[in-house]
Protein backbone atom coordinates (compact mmCIF):
# COMPACT_ATOMS: atom_id res chain seq x y z
CA MET A 1 -62.60 -79.94 60.42
CA ILE A 2 -65.04 -80.66 63.21
CA THR A 3 -68.69 -80.35 62.30
CA LEU A 4 -71.55 -81.06 64.66
CA SER A 5 -74.99 -82.01 63.43
CA HIS A 6 -77.61 -79.34 64.10
CA ASP A 7 -80.03 -81.87 65.58
CA LEU A 8 -77.80 -83.02 68.43
CA ARG A 9 -78.12 -81.76 71.99
CA ILE A 10 -75.31 -79.94 73.77
CA TRP A 11 -74.96 -80.22 77.55
CA LEU A 12 -72.77 -77.99 79.67
CA CYS A 13 -71.79 -79.86 82.85
CA ALA A 14 -72.08 -77.46 85.81
CA GLY A 15 -69.33 -77.21 88.38
CA HIS A 16 -65.71 -77.99 87.60
CA THR A 17 -64.08 -81.15 86.29
CA ASP A 18 -60.61 -82.59 86.77
CA MET A 19 -59.05 -81.85 83.36
CA ARG A 20 -56.75 -84.87 83.75
CA LYS A 21 -59.76 -87.06 82.96
CA GLY A 22 -59.75 -88.62 79.53
CA PHE A 23 -62.35 -90.52 77.53
CA ASP A 24 -63.16 -93.09 80.21
CA GLY A 25 -63.29 -90.66 83.13
CA LEU A 26 -65.50 -88.16 81.32
CA THR A 27 -67.76 -90.93 80.02
CA ALA A 28 -68.19 -92.17 83.60
CA LEU A 29 -69.17 -88.64 84.72
CA VAL A 30 -71.78 -88.44 81.97
CA GLN A 31 -73.25 -91.82 82.92
CA HIS A 32 -73.14 -91.69 86.71
CA VAL A 33 -73.35 -87.99 87.59
CA LEU A 34 -75.51 -86.60 84.78
CA ASN A 35 -77.46 -89.84 84.20
CA LYS A 36 -77.15 -89.43 80.44
CA ASP A 37 -76.00 -91.78 77.68
CA PRO A 38 -72.55 -90.70 76.41
CA PHE A 39 -73.05 -92.83 73.28
CA ALA A 40 -76.28 -91.15 72.14
CA GLY A 41 -74.52 -88.58 69.96
CA GLN A 42 -74.86 -85.67 72.39
CA VAL A 43 -72.07 -83.22 73.20
CA PHE A 44 -70.92 -82.78 76.80
CA VAL A 45 -68.88 -79.71 77.80
CA PHE A 46 -66.65 -79.74 80.90
CA ARG A 47 -64.66 -76.88 82.49
CA GLY A 48 -61.57 -77.08 84.68
CA ARG A 49 -61.25 -75.58 88.16
CA ARG A 50 -59.30 -72.48 87.01
CA GLY A 51 -61.92 -71.74 84.36
CA ASP A 52 -59.51 -71.33 81.45
CA ARG A 53 -59.91 -74.84 79.97
CA VAL A 54 -62.80 -76.79 78.50
CA LYS A 55 -63.18 -80.27 77.08
CA LEU A 56 -65.98 -81.42 74.80
CA LEU A 57 -66.85 -85.09 74.55
CA TRP A 58 -69.17 -86.63 71.98
CA TRP A 59 -69.88 -89.88 70.16
CA ASP A 60 -69.80 -89.42 66.38
CA GLY A 61 -71.27 -92.83 65.56
CA GLN A 62 -67.87 -94.50 65.15
CA GLY A 63 -66.04 -93.54 68.32
CA LEU A 64 -65.62 -91.01 71.08
CA CYS A 65 -64.20 -87.61 70.11
CA MET A 66 -62.66 -85.01 72.40
CA TYR A 67 -61.94 -81.33 71.86
CA TYR A 68 -59.75 -79.48 74.37
CA LYS A 69 -59.27 -75.71 74.52
CA ARG A 70 -57.25 -73.44 76.81
CA LEU A 71 -57.79 -69.68 76.84
CA GLU A 72 -54.63 -67.59 77.05
CA GLN A 73 -56.55 -64.75 78.72
CA GLY A 74 -59.79 -64.74 80.67
CA LYS A 75 -62.10 -67.54 81.71
CA PHE A 76 -64.96 -69.44 80.16
CA VAL A 77 -68.37 -68.21 81.35
CA TRP A 78 -70.00 -70.92 83.46
CA PRO A 79 -73.25 -71.24 85.43
CA ALA A 80 -73.11 -70.71 89.19
CA SER A 81 -74.67 -74.13 89.89
CA GLN A 82 -72.25 -76.80 91.09
CA SER A 83 -74.17 -79.82 89.77
CA GLY A 84 -76.37 -80.88 86.90
CA ALA A 85 -76.30 -79.90 83.26
CA VAL A 86 -77.45 -76.92 81.20
CA HIS A 87 -78.69 -77.31 77.63
CA LEU A 88 -76.90 -75.06 75.11
CA THR A 89 -77.75 -74.15 71.55
CA HIS A 90 -75.14 -74.34 68.80
CA ALA A 91 -74.86 -70.54 68.86
CA GLN A 92 -74.28 -70.53 72.63
CA LEU A 93 -71.58 -73.21 72.26
CA SER A 94 -69.85 -71.10 69.60
CA LEU A 95 -69.90 -68.06 71.90
CA LEU A 96 -68.64 -70.13 74.83
CA LEU A 97 -65.69 -71.49 72.82
CA GLU A 98 -64.79 -67.93 71.79
CA GLY A 99 -64.67 -66.89 75.44
CA VAL A 100 -67.78 -64.70 75.11
CA ASP A 101 -70.65 -64.62 77.62
CA TRP A 102 -73.21 -66.99 76.08
CA ARG A 103 -75.92 -66.51 78.72
CA PRO A 104 -79.14 -64.68 77.79
CA PRO A 105 -79.20 -61.10 79.07
CA ALA A 106 -81.01 -60.49 82.34
CA HIS A 107 -84.56 -59.26 81.95
CA ARG A 108 -84.97 -55.58 82.51
CA TYR A 109 -87.65 -53.98 84.61
CA VAL A 110 -90.86 -53.34 82.68
CA PRO A 111 -93.30 -50.91 84.33
CA LYS A 112 -96.83 -52.22 84.89
CA ASN A 113 -98.55 -48.85 84.60
CA ALA A 114 -97.92 -45.95 82.29
CA GLY A 115 -97.19 -42.67 83.93
């Protein structure tokens, strides 16, 4: 069973990633594109071009771990940005991996004056 500590940070890597990349290729992306330390115990989430596959990469203190998931229907919800990283909560990561829209709902219009 995979368990992630509640105090670690989860980063969704915007844009798409070549899903042929393994440990070394994804680690290089984390270091050189995101400017983050892949060995700091954080989780990095990558999505393929078609949108139906994700890989998670994290350092568990002993070695690199990778989780790979392919949806049979639909696509993973991803930010429109093509670069950078978005911080996710554990709950948002759970929703993402279930194929559910994890993004906060858009703010609705609130009138300024009554009447």
